[in-house]
Amino acid sequence: MVSQFVSPDEVELLSNLKFPFPEGTHAIGRLDNHSEGLLILTTDKKVTRLLFNCNKPHERTYYIQVNNLVTQERLQQLKEGVTITIERGEQYIAKPTKVEIIPEPVLFKRDLKESQQYIPNTWLRITLTEGKFHQIRKMIAAIHHRVRRLIRVSIEDLLLEDLPAGHVKELSKDDFFCKLKIEQ
């Protein structure tokens, strides 16, 4: 599913969800169609500005399943910052605020095809305060690995927890702003 309500392409859309979204609902902090996890939907147009265009950067945490085993040397490269290409070919040093190897998250366990069961992989937890286009995928490629799964699990104190894919959880305005650590 892509994180939009309309598209000229034949893709699964947010409008296909069985939920009565109010007029003017839009996604903040999009996920590409190869990613999954927490997505903020709101009708409040100032939330984007407050969350992403303010002086205090906001943390976003992801679980990433990476093909093959990530060595401590490669993990250290991520911690120190890796060079990725951003807009117009510009080189940028992407540095997470936190990165660590984690056990496979039970909530996101999938049954694998038999051919995939024996392919080694590593799960990482990465927290960013910036959001360049496909930043995590580019960071993982910079250490010579490939992202198998990318799951956003939190934005500040707003947590995905065990909310099933395709489900919506409504929050009060006060709770929403408090968890995102932004002022109304």
N, C-alpha and C. Protein backbone atom coordinates (compact mmCIF):
# COMPACT_ATOMS: atom_id res chain seq x y z
N MET A 1 0.85 -1.18 0.00
CA MET A 1 0.00 0.00 0.00
C MET A 1 0.89 1.24 0.00
N VAL A 2 0.51 2.23 -0.76
CA VAL A 2 1.24 3.49 -0.74
C VAL A 2 0.53 4.46 0.20
N SER A 3 1.28 5.39 0.76
CA SER A 3 0.72 6.27 1.78
C SER A 3 0.10 7.52 1.16
N GLN A 4 -0.91 7.29 0.31
CA GLN A 4 -1.67 8.38 -0.28
C GLN A 4 -3.08 7.88 -0.57
N PHE A 5 -3.97 8.83 -0.81
CA PHE A 5 -5.38 8.48 -1.02
C PHE A 5 -5.75 8.35 -2.49
N VAL A 6 -5.01 9.00 -3.37
CA VAL A 6 -5.27 8.90 -4.81
C VAL A 6 -3.95 8.71 -5.54
N SER A 7 -4.01 8.04 -6.66
CA SER A 7 -2.81 7.82 -7.47
C SER A 7 -3.23 7.48 -8.89
N PRO A 8 -2.45 7.93 -9.88
CA PRO A 8 -2.75 7.54 -11.25
C PRO A 8 -2.36 6.08 -11.52
N ASP A 9 -1.54 5.52 -10.62
CA ASP A 9 -1.08 4.13 -10.78
C ASP A 9 -2.06 3.17 -10.12
N GLU A 10 -2.05 1.94 -10.59
CA GLU A 10 -2.91 0.92 -9.99
C GLU A 10 -2.18 0.30 -8.82
N VAL A 11 -2.36 0.90 -7.63
CA VAL A 11 -1.72 0.45 -6.40
C VAL A 11 -2.75 0.46 -5.27
N GLU A 12 -2.45 -0.25 -4.21
CA GLU A 12 -3.29 -0.21 -3.01
C GLU A 12 -3.13 1.16 -2.37
N LEU A 13 -4.23 1.79 -1.99
CA LEU A 13 -4.23 3.15 -1.44
C LEU A 13 -4.86 3.19 -0.06
N LEU A 14 -4.59 4.25 0.68
CA LEU A 14 -5.20 4.45 1.99
C LEU A 14 -6.73 4.50 1.88
N SER A 15 -7.21 5.01 0.76
CA SER A 15 -8.67 5.10 0.57
C SER A 15 -9.33 3.72 0.50
N ASN A 16 -8.53 2.66 0.31
CA ASN A 16 -9.08 1.30 0.27
C ASN A 16 -9.34 0.74 1.67
N LEU A 17 -8.79 1.40 2.70
CA LEU A 17 -9.00 0.93 4.06
C LEU A 17 -10.46 1.14 4.45
N LYS A 18 -10.96 0.26 5.27
CA LYS A 18 -12.35 0.35 5.75
C LYS A 18 -12.39 1.28 6.96
N PHE A 19 -12.23 2.58 6.69
CA PHE A 19 -12.25 3.58 7.76
C PHE A 19 -12.83 4.87 7.20
N PRO A 20 -13.72 5.51 7.93
CA PRO A 20 -14.33 6.76 7.44
C PRO A 20 -13.43 7.98 7.69
N PHE A 21 -12.40 8.13 6.87
CA PHE A 21 -11.49 9.25 7.03
C PHE A 21 -12.21 10.57 6.80
N PRO A 22 -11.98 11.57 7.67
CA PRO A 22 -12.60 12.89 7.45
C PRO A 22 -12.02 13.57 6.21
N GLU A 23 -12.79 14.46 5.65
CA GLU A 23 -12.34 15.26 4.51
C GLU A 23 -11.03 15.97 4.88
N GLY A 24 -10.08 15.99 3.97
CA GLY A 24 -8.82 16.69 4.20
C GLY A 24 -7.76 15.88 4.92
N THR A 25 -8.00 14.58 5.14
CA THR A 25 -6.99 13.73 5.80
C THR A 25 -5.81 13.53 4.86
N HIS A 26 -4.61 13.68 5.41
CA HIS A 26 -3.40 13.47 4.62
C HIS A 26 -2.34 12.77 5.48
N ALA A 27 -1.37 12.16 4.81
CA ALA A 27 -0.30 11.43 5.49
C ALA A 27 0.86 12.37 5.77
N ILE A 28 1.50 12.14 6.91
CA ILE A 28 2.70 12.89 7.29
C ILE A 28 3.84 11.89 7.43
N GLY A 29 4.98 12.19 6.86
CA GLY A 29 6.10 11.28 6.96
C GLY A 29 5.81 10.00 6.20
N ARG A 30 5.67 10.08 4.93
CA ARG A 30 5.27 8.95 4.10
C ARG A 30 6.20 7.75 4.23
N LEU A 31 5.65 6.60 3.88
CA LEU A 31 6.42 5.36 3.74
C LEU A 31 6.33 4.96 2.28
N ASP A 32 7.45 4.49 1.72
CA ASP A 32 7.37 4.02 0.34
C ASP A 32 6.63 2.69 0.30
N ASN A 33 6.29 2.22 -0.88
CA ASN A 33 5.46 1.01 -0.98
C ASN A 33 6.21 -0.27 -0.64
N HIS A 34 7.51 -0.17 -0.33
CA HIS A 34 8.29 -1.34 0.09
C HIS A 34 8.56 -1.29 1.60
N SER A 35 7.97 -0.32 2.28
CA SER A 35 8.17 -0.17 3.72
C SER A 35 6.84 -0.39 4.42
N GLU A 36 6.90 -0.52 5.73
CA GLU A 36 5.68 -0.75 6.50
C GLU A 36 5.80 -0.06 7.85
N GLY A 37 4.71 -0.01 8.57
CA GLY A 37 4.76 0.51 9.92
C GLY A 37 3.93 1.75 10.15
N LEU A 38 4.34 2.50 11.16
CA LEU A 38 3.61 3.66 11.65
C LEU A 38 3.51 4.77 10.61
N LEU A 39 2.29 5.21 10.38
CA LEU A 39 2.03 6.32 9.46
C LEU A 39 1.05 7.25 10.14
N ILE A 40 1.38 8.52 10.18
CA ILE A 40 0.51 9.52 10.79
C ILE A 40 -0.44 10.05 9.73
N LEU A 41 -1.73 10.04 10.06
CA LEU A 41 -2.75 10.63 9.20
C LEU A 41 -3.45 11.70 10.01
N THR A 42 -3.59 12.88 9.44
CA THR A 42 -4.21 13.98 10.16
C THR A 42 -4.93 14.92 9.20
N THR A 43 -5.80 15.73 9.76
CA THR A 43 -6.43 16.81 8.98
C THR A 43 -5.80 18.15 9.35
N ASP A 44 -4.90 18.16 10.32
CA ASP A 44 -4.27 19.38 10.82
C ASP A 44 -3.03 19.70 9.99
N LYS A 45 -3.11 20.69 9.12
CA LYS A 45 -2.03 21.01 8.19
C LYS A 45 -0.77 21.54 8.88
N LYS A 46 -0.90 22.05 10.10
CA LYS A 46 0.28 22.60 10.77
C LYS A 46 1.16 21.52 11.40
N VAL A 47 0.67 20.28 11.50
CA VAL A 47 1.45 19.22 12.14
C VAL A 47 2.75 18.95 11.37
N THR A 48 2.71 18.93 10.05
CA THR A 48 3.92 18.71 9.26
C THR A 48 4.98 19.75 9.60
N ARG A 49 4.57 21.00 9.62
CA ARG A 49 5.51 22.09 9.93
C ARG A 49 6.05 21.94 11.35
N LEU A 50 5.19 21.67 12.29
CA LEU A 50 5.61 21.54 13.69
C LEU A 50 6.53 20.34 13.91
N LEU A 51 6.30 19.27 13.16
CA LEU A 51 7.05 18.04 13.36
C LEU A 51 8.38 18.03 12.60
N PHE A 52 8.37 18.50 11.36
CA PHE A 52 9.55 18.34 10.52
C PHE A 52 10.28 19.64 10.18
N ASN A 53 9.68 20.78 10.40
CA ASN A 53 10.32 22.04 10.06
C ASN A 53 10.52 22.91 11.30
N CYS A 54 10.96 22.30 12.38
CA CYS A 54 11.15 23.05 13.60
C CYS A 54 12.62 22.96 14.04
N ASN A 55 12.97 23.69 15.06
CA ASN A 55 14.35 23.71 15.52
C ASN A 55 14.77 22.41 16.20
N LYS A 56 13.85 21.74 16.88
CA LYS A 56 14.17 20.50 17.58
C LYS A 56 13.86 19.32 16.67
N PRO A 57 14.88 18.55 16.30
CA PRO A 57 14.61 17.38 15.45
C PRO A 57 13.85 16.31 16.23
N HIS A 58 12.97 15.61 15.54
CA HIS A 58 12.15 14.56 16.15
C HIS A 58 12.68 13.19 15.74
N GLU A 59 12.74 12.30 16.71
CA GLU A 59 13.27 10.96 16.46
C GLU A 59 12.23 10.05 15.81
N ARG A 60 12.71 9.28 14.84
CA ARG A 60 11.91 8.25 14.18
C ARG A 60 12.72 6.96 14.25
N THR A 61 12.10 5.90 14.74
CA THR A 61 12.81 4.64 14.94
C THR A 61 12.26 3.58 13.99
N TYR A 62 13.18 2.80 13.43
CA TYR A 62 12.86 1.78 12.44
C TYR A 62 13.51 0.45 12.84
N TYR A 63 12.82 -0.65 12.53
CA TYR A 63 13.43 -1.97 12.57
C TYR A 63 13.72 -2.33 11.13
N ILE A 64 14.93 -2.78 10.88
CA ILE A 64 15.35 -3.09 9.51
C ILE A 64 15.90 -4.51 9.48
N GLN A 65 15.34 -5.32 8.60
CA GLN A 65 15.90 -6.65 8.36
C GLN A 65 16.84 -6.52 7.17
N VAL A 66 18.08 -6.91 7.38
CA VAL A 66 19.14 -6.72 6.40
C VAL A 66 19.61 -8.10 5.93
N ASN A 67 19.82 -8.25 4.63
CA ASN A 67 20.37 -9.50 4.11
C ASN A 67 21.78 -9.70 4.65
N ASN A 68 22.08 -10.92 5.02
CA ASN A 68 23.39 -11.35 5.52
C ASN A 68 23.67 -10.80 6.91
N LEU A 69 24.79 -11.20 7.46
CA LEU A 69 25.15 -10.82 8.82
C LEU A 69 25.91 -9.49 8.81
N VAL A 70 25.49 -8.57 9.63
CA VAL A 70 26.16 -7.27 9.75
C VAL A 70 27.25 -7.42 10.80
N THR A 71 28.48 -7.14 10.41
CA THR A 71 29.61 -7.26 11.34
C THR A 71 29.67 -6.03 12.24
N GLN A 72 30.43 -6.13 13.33
CA GLN A 72 30.63 -4.99 14.22
C GLN A 72 31.31 -3.84 13.47
N GLU A 73 32.18 -4.18 12.52
CA GLU A 73 32.85 -3.15 11.72
C GLU A 73 31.85 -2.36 10.88
N ARG A 74 30.93 -3.06 10.25
CA ARG A 74 29.89 -2.39 9.43
C ARG A 74 28.94 -1.59 10.33
N LEU A 75 28.60 -2.14 11.49
CA LEU A 75 27.75 -1.43 12.44
C LEU A 75 28.43 -0.13 12.89
N GLN A 76 29.72 -0.19 13.12
CA GLN A 76 30.47 1.00 13.52
C GLN A 76 30.47 2.04 12.41
N GLN A 77 30.55 1.60 11.16
CA GLN A 77 30.47 2.54 10.03
C GLN A 77 29.15 3.30 10.08
N LEU A 78 28.05 2.58 10.32
CA LEU A 78 26.75 3.24 10.42
C LEU A 78 26.75 4.25 11.56
N LYS A 79 27.30 3.88 12.70
CA LYS A 79 27.31 4.75 13.87
C LYS A 79 28.09 6.03 13.61
N GLU A 80 29.18 5.91 12.87
CA GLU A 80 30.04 7.07 12.59
C GLU A 80 29.48 7.94 11.47
N GLY A 81 28.62 7.37 10.65
CA GLY A 81 28.03 8.11 9.54
C GLY A 81 28.56 7.62 8.21
N VAL A 82 27.67 7.35 7.30
CA VAL A 82 28.05 6.89 5.97
C VAL A 82 27.64 7.92 4.93
N THR A 83 28.35 7.95 3.84
CA THR A 83 28.06 8.89 2.77
C THR A 83 27.00 8.31 1.84
N ILE A 84 25.95 9.10 1.62
CA ILE A 84 24.89 8.71 0.69
C ILE A 84 24.71 9.84 -0.32
N THR A 85 24.09 9.52 -1.43
CA THR A 85 23.79 10.53 -2.45
C THR A 85 22.36 11.01 -2.25
N ILE A 86 22.19 12.34 -2.19
CA ILE A 86 20.86 12.91 -2.04
C ILE A 86 20.54 13.75 -3.28
N GLU A 87 19.70 14.75 -3.12
CA GLU A 87 19.22 15.55 -4.26
C GLU A 87 20.34 16.05 -5.16
N ARG A 88 20.08 15.97 -6.46
CA ARG A 88 20.99 16.46 -7.49
C ARG A 88 22.41 15.91 -7.36
N GLY A 89 22.52 14.67 -6.88
CA GLY A 89 23.81 14.00 -6.80
C GLY A 89 24.72 14.46 -5.67
N GLU A 90 24.20 15.31 -4.79
CA GLU A 90 25.00 15.82 -3.68
C GLU A 90 25.33 14.69 -2.70
N GLN A 91 26.58 14.68 -2.21
CA GLN A 91 27.00 13.70 -1.22
C GLN A 91 26.67 14.22 0.17
N TYR A 92 26.18 13.33 1.03
CA TYR A 92 25.71 13.71 2.35
C TYR A 92 26.13 12.63 3.35
N ILE A 93 26.63 13.03 4.51
CA ILE A 93 26.98 12.06 5.54
C ILE A 93 25.77 11.85 6.45
N ALA A 94 25.20 10.66 6.35
CA ALA A 94 24.01 10.30 7.12
C ALA A 94 24.45 9.63 8.40
N LYS A 95 24.02 10.19 9.51
CA LYS A 95 24.42 9.67 10.80
C LYS A 95 23.18 9.44 11.67
N PRO A 96 22.94 8.19 12.07
CA PRO A 96 21.81 7.95 12.95
C PRO A 96 22.11 8.44 14.36
N THR A 97 21.07 8.68 15.14
CA THR A 97 21.30 9.03 16.54
C THR A 97 21.59 7.76 17.33
N LYS A 98 21.01 6.66 16.91
CA LYS A 98 21.23 5.37 17.57
C LYS A 98 21.14 4.28 16.52
N VAL A 99 22.00 3.26 16.66
CA VAL A 99 21.90 2.08 15.80
C VAL A 99 22.43 0.89 16.59
N GLU A 100 21.69 -0.24 16.51
CA GLU A 100 22.13 -1.44 17.20
C GLU A 100 21.55 -2.67 16.53
N ILE A 101 22.22 -3.80 16.73
CA ILE A 101 21.72 -5.09 16.27
C ILE A 101 20.72 -5.57 17.33
N ILE A 102 19.58 -6.06 16.87
CA ILE A 102 18.55 -6.55 17.80
C ILE A 102 18.13 -7.96 17.39
N PRO A 103 17.50 -8.69 18.32
CA PRO A 103 16.93 -9.99 17.93
C PRO A 103 15.73 -9.76 17.01
N GLU A 104 15.35 -10.78 16.27
CA GLU A 104 14.18 -10.65 15.40
C GLU A 104 12.96 -10.27 16.23
N PRO A 105 12.30 -9.16 15.88
CA PRO A 105 11.12 -8.74 16.65
C PRO A 105 9.97 -9.74 16.47
N VAL A 106 9.48 -10.25 17.57
CA VAL A 106 8.41 -11.27 17.55
C VAL A 106 7.17 -10.75 16.84
N LEU A 107 6.83 -9.47 17.07
CA LEU A 107 5.62 -8.90 16.46
C LEU A 107 5.66 -8.91 14.93
N PHE A 108 6.86 -8.91 14.36
CA PHE A 108 6.99 -8.79 12.91
C PHE A 108 7.50 -10.06 12.25
N LYS A 109 7.44 -11.16 12.99
CA LYS A 109 7.90 -12.44 12.46
C LYS A 109 6.97 -12.88 11.32
N ARG A 110 7.56 -13.35 10.25
CA ARG A 110 6.80 -13.85 9.10
C ARG A 110 7.24 -15.27 8.79
N ASP A 111 6.31 -16.04 8.24
CA ASP A 111 6.70 -17.34 7.72
C ASP A 111 7.39 -17.11 6.39
N LEU A 112 8.60 -17.62 6.28
CA LEU A 112 9.37 -17.44 5.06
C LEU A 112 9.17 -18.60 4.10
N LYS A 113 9.33 -18.31 2.82
CA LYS A 113 9.33 -19.38 1.83
C LYS A 113 10.51 -20.28 2.16
N GLU A 114 10.40 -21.54 1.82
CA GLU A 114 11.46 -22.48 2.15
C GLU A 114 12.82 -22.03 1.60
N SER A 115 12.82 -21.43 0.41
CA SER A 115 14.07 -20.99 -0.20
C SER A 115 14.72 -19.84 0.58
N GLN A 116 13.93 -19.11 1.40
CA GLN A 116 14.47 -17.97 2.15
C GLN A 116 14.84 -18.32 3.59
N GLN A 117 14.42 -19.50 4.06
CA GLN A 117 14.59 -19.84 5.46
C GLN A 117 16.04 -19.88 5.90
N TYR A 118 16.94 -20.19 5.01
CA TYR A 118 18.33 -20.38 5.40
C TYR A 118 19.24 -19.24 4.97
N ILE A 119 18.67 -18.18 4.45
CA ILE A 119 19.47 -17.01 4.08
C ILE A 119 19.76 -16.23 5.35
N PRO A 120 21.03 -16.03 5.69
CA PRO A 120 21.33 -15.28 6.92
C PRO A 120 20.86 -13.84 6.81
N ASN A 121 20.47 -13.28 7.96
CA ASN A 121 20.03 -11.89 7.99
C ASN A 121 20.31 -11.31 9.36
N THR A 122 20.23 -10.01 9.45
CA THR A 122 20.44 -9.29 10.70
C THR A 122 19.31 -8.30 10.85
N TRP A 123 18.82 -8.14 12.08
CA TRP A 123 17.84 -7.11 12.39
C TRP A 123 18.55 -5.95 13.07
N LEU A 124 18.26 -4.74 12.63
CA LEU A 124 18.82 -3.53 13.22
C LEU A 124 17.70 -2.64 13.72
N ARG A 125 18.00 -1.87 14.75
CA ARG A 125 17.11 -0.78 15.18
C ARG A 125 17.90 0.50 14.92
N ILE A 126 17.34 1.37 14.09
CA ILE A 126 17.99 2.63 13.76
C ILE A 126 17.04 3.77 14.10
N THR A 127 17.57 4.77 14.79
CA THR A 127 16.79 5.97 15.09
C THR A 127 17.43 7.14 14.36
N LEU A 128 16.60 7.86 13.63
CA LEU A 128 17.04 9.03 12.85
C LEU A 128 16.33 10.28 13.35
N THR A 129 16.95 11.43 13.09
CA THR A 129 16.27 12.70 13.32
C THR A 129 16.18 13.49 12.03
N GLU A 130 16.58 12.88 10.94
CA GLU A 130 16.50 13.51 9.63
C GLU A 130 15.81 12.51 8.70
N GLY A 131 15.34 12.96 7.59
CA GLY A 131 14.62 12.06 6.71
C GLY A 131 14.88 12.33 5.24
N LYS A 132 16.07 12.05 4.80
CA LYS A 132 16.38 12.19 3.37
C LYS A 132 15.66 11.07 2.61
N PHE A 133 15.46 11.28 1.32
CA PHE A 133 14.75 10.33 0.46
C PHE A 133 15.44 8.97 0.50
N HIS A 134 14.72 7.92 0.90
CA HIS A 134 15.24 6.55 1.00
C HIS A 134 16.52 6.47 1.83
N GLN A 135 16.61 7.30 2.85
CA GLN A 135 17.84 7.41 3.63
C GLN A 135 18.31 6.08 4.21
N ILE A 136 17.43 5.34 4.85
CA ILE A 136 17.87 4.09 5.47
C ILE A 136 18.33 3.09 4.42
N ARG A 137 17.61 2.96 3.34
CA ARG A 137 18.02 2.03 2.29
C ARG A 137 19.40 2.41 1.74
N LYS A 138 19.63 3.70 1.58
CA LYS A 138 20.94 4.17 1.09
C LYS A 138 22.04 3.94 2.12
N MET A 139 21.72 4.13 3.40
CA MET A 139 22.71 3.89 4.45
C MET A 139 23.11 2.41 4.50
N ILE A 140 22.13 1.54 4.38
CA ILE A 140 22.41 0.10 4.41
C ILE A 140 23.21 -0.30 3.17
N ALA A 141 22.87 0.26 2.02
CA ALA A 141 23.64 -0.02 0.80
C ALA A 141 25.09 0.45 0.95
N ALA A 142 25.30 1.56 1.66
CA ALA A 142 26.65 2.10 1.85
C ALA A 142 27.55 1.16 2.65
N ILE A 143 26.94 0.25 3.45
CA ILE A 143 27.76 -0.73 4.18
C ILE A 143 27.69 -2.09 3.48
N HIS A 144 27.27 -2.08 2.22
CA HIS A 144 27.28 -3.25 1.34
C HIS A 144 26.30 -4.34 1.77
N HIS A 145 25.12 -3.90 2.17
CA HIS A 145 24.03 -4.81 2.49
C HIS A 145 22.77 -4.32 1.77
N ARG A 146 21.71 -5.13 1.84
CA ARG A 146 20.44 -4.77 1.22
C ARG A 146 19.33 -4.92 2.24
N VAL A 147 18.41 -3.96 2.24
CA VAL A 147 17.26 -4.00 3.14
C VAL A 147 16.27 -5.04 2.63
N ARG A 148 15.90 -5.94 3.51
CA ARG A 148 14.87 -6.93 3.19
C ARG A 148 13.51 -6.42 3.67
N ARG A 149 13.46 -5.85 4.88
CA ARG A 149 12.24 -5.25 5.42
C ARG A 149 12.60 -3.98 6.15
N LEU A 150 11.71 -2.99 6.09
CA LEU A 150 11.89 -1.74 6.79
C LEU A 150 10.57 -1.38 7.45
N ILE A 151 10.59 -1.26 8.78
CA ILE A 151 9.36 -1.05 9.54
C ILE A 151 9.54 0.16 10.46
N ARG A 152 8.75 1.22 10.26
CA ARG A 152 8.80 2.35 11.19
C ARG A 152 7.98 1.98 12.41
N VAL A 153 8.64 2.00 13.59
CA VAL A 153 7.96 1.57 14.81
C VAL A 153 7.61 2.73 15.73
N SER A 154 8.22 3.91 15.51
CA SER A 154 7.84 5.05 16.35
C SER A 154 8.25 6.37 15.71
N ILE A 155 7.52 7.39 16.11
CA ILE A 155 7.88 8.78 15.86
C ILE A 155 7.75 9.43 17.23
N GLU A 156 8.89 9.82 17.80
CA GLU A 156 8.95 10.29 19.19
C GLU A 156 8.29 9.25 20.10
N ASP A 157 7.29 9.62 20.90
CA ASP A 157 6.63 8.67 21.80
C ASP A 157 5.36 8.08 21.22
N LEU A 158 5.11 8.32 19.96
CA LEU A 158 3.97 7.71 19.26
C LEU A 158 4.45 6.36 18.73
N LEU A 159 3.90 5.28 19.27
CA LEU A 159 4.41 3.93 19.00
C LEU A 159 3.44 3.10 18.17
N LEU A 160 3.99 2.30 17.27
CA LEU A 160 3.19 1.38 16.48
C LEU A 160 2.62 0.27 17.37
N GLU A 161 3.42 -0.21 18.30
CA GLU A 161 3.06 -1.32 19.19
C GLU A 161 2.55 -2.50 18.39
N ASP A 162 1.40 -3.06 18.76
CA ASP A 162 0.89 -4.25 18.08
C ASP A 162 -0.30 -3.95 17.16
N LEU A 163 -0.37 -2.70 16.68
CA LEU A 163 -1.44 -2.33 15.76
C LEU A 163 -1.27 -3.12 14.46
N PRO A 164 -2.26 -3.91 14.07
CA PRO A 164 -2.12 -4.72 12.85
C PRO A 164 -2.04 -3.84 11.59
N ALA A 165 -1.39 -4.38 10.58
CA ALA A 165 -1.28 -3.68 9.29
C ALA A 165 -2.66 -3.36 8.76
N GLY A 166 -2.83 -2.15 8.23
CA GLY A 166 -4.11 -1.74 7.64
C GLY A 166 -5.14 -1.27 8.64
N HIS A 167 -4.78 -1.19 9.92
CA HIS A 167 -5.71 -0.72 10.94
C HIS A 167 -5.39 0.72 11.33
N VAL A 168 -6.38 1.39 11.86
CA VAL A 168 -6.27 2.80 12.23
C VAL A 168 -6.58 2.93 13.71
N LYS A 169 -5.78 3.73 14.39
CA LYS A 169 -6.02 4.02 15.81
C LYS A 169 -6.16 5.52 15.95
N GLU A 170 -7.31 5.96 16.44
CA GLU A 170 -7.54 7.39 16.64
C GLU A 170 -7.00 7.82 18.00
N LEU A 171 -6.43 9.02 18.05
CA LEU A 171 -5.93 9.60 19.30
C LEU A 171 -6.60 10.94 19.53
N SER A 172 -6.73 11.32 20.79
CA SER A 172 -7.22 12.66 21.08
C SER A 172 -6.14 13.65 20.63
N LYS A 173 -6.55 14.86 20.35
CA LYS A 173 -5.60 15.88 19.91
C LYS A 173 -4.51 16.11 20.96
N ASP A 174 -4.89 16.17 22.24
CA ASP A 174 -3.92 16.40 23.31
C ASP A 174 -2.91 15.25 23.39
N ASP A 175 -3.39 14.02 23.33
CA ASP A 175 -2.52 12.84 23.39
C ASP A 175 -1.58 12.81 22.18
N PHE A 176 -2.13 13.11 21.01
CA PHE A 176 -1.36 13.14 19.77
C PHE A 176 -0.20 14.13 19.87
N PHE A 177 -0.47 15.37 20.26
CA PHE A 177 0.56 16.39 20.36
C PHE A 177 1.57 16.06 21.46
N CYS A 178 1.10 15.51 22.56
CA CYS A 178 1.98 15.14 23.67
C CYS A 178 2.96 14.04 23.24
N LYS A 179 2.46 13.00 22.60
CA LYS A 179 3.33 11.89 22.17
C LYS A 179 4.33 12.32 21.11
N LEU A 180 3.96 13.28 20.26
CA LEU A 180 4.88 13.76 19.23
C LEU A 180 5.82 14.86 19.76
N LYS A 181 5.59 15.28 20.99
CA LYS A 181 6.42 16.30 21.65
C LYS A 181 6.41 17.62 20.86
N ILE A 182 5.23 18.00 20.40
CA ILE A 182 5.06 19.28 19.74
C ILE A 182 3.95 20.04 20.44
N GLU A 183 4.01 21.35 20.36
CA GLU A 183 3.00 22.19 21.01
C GLU A 183 1.90 22.52 20.02
N GLN A 184 0.68 22.57 20.54
CA GLN A 184 -0.48 22.84 19.67
C GLN A 184 -0.52 24.26 19.18
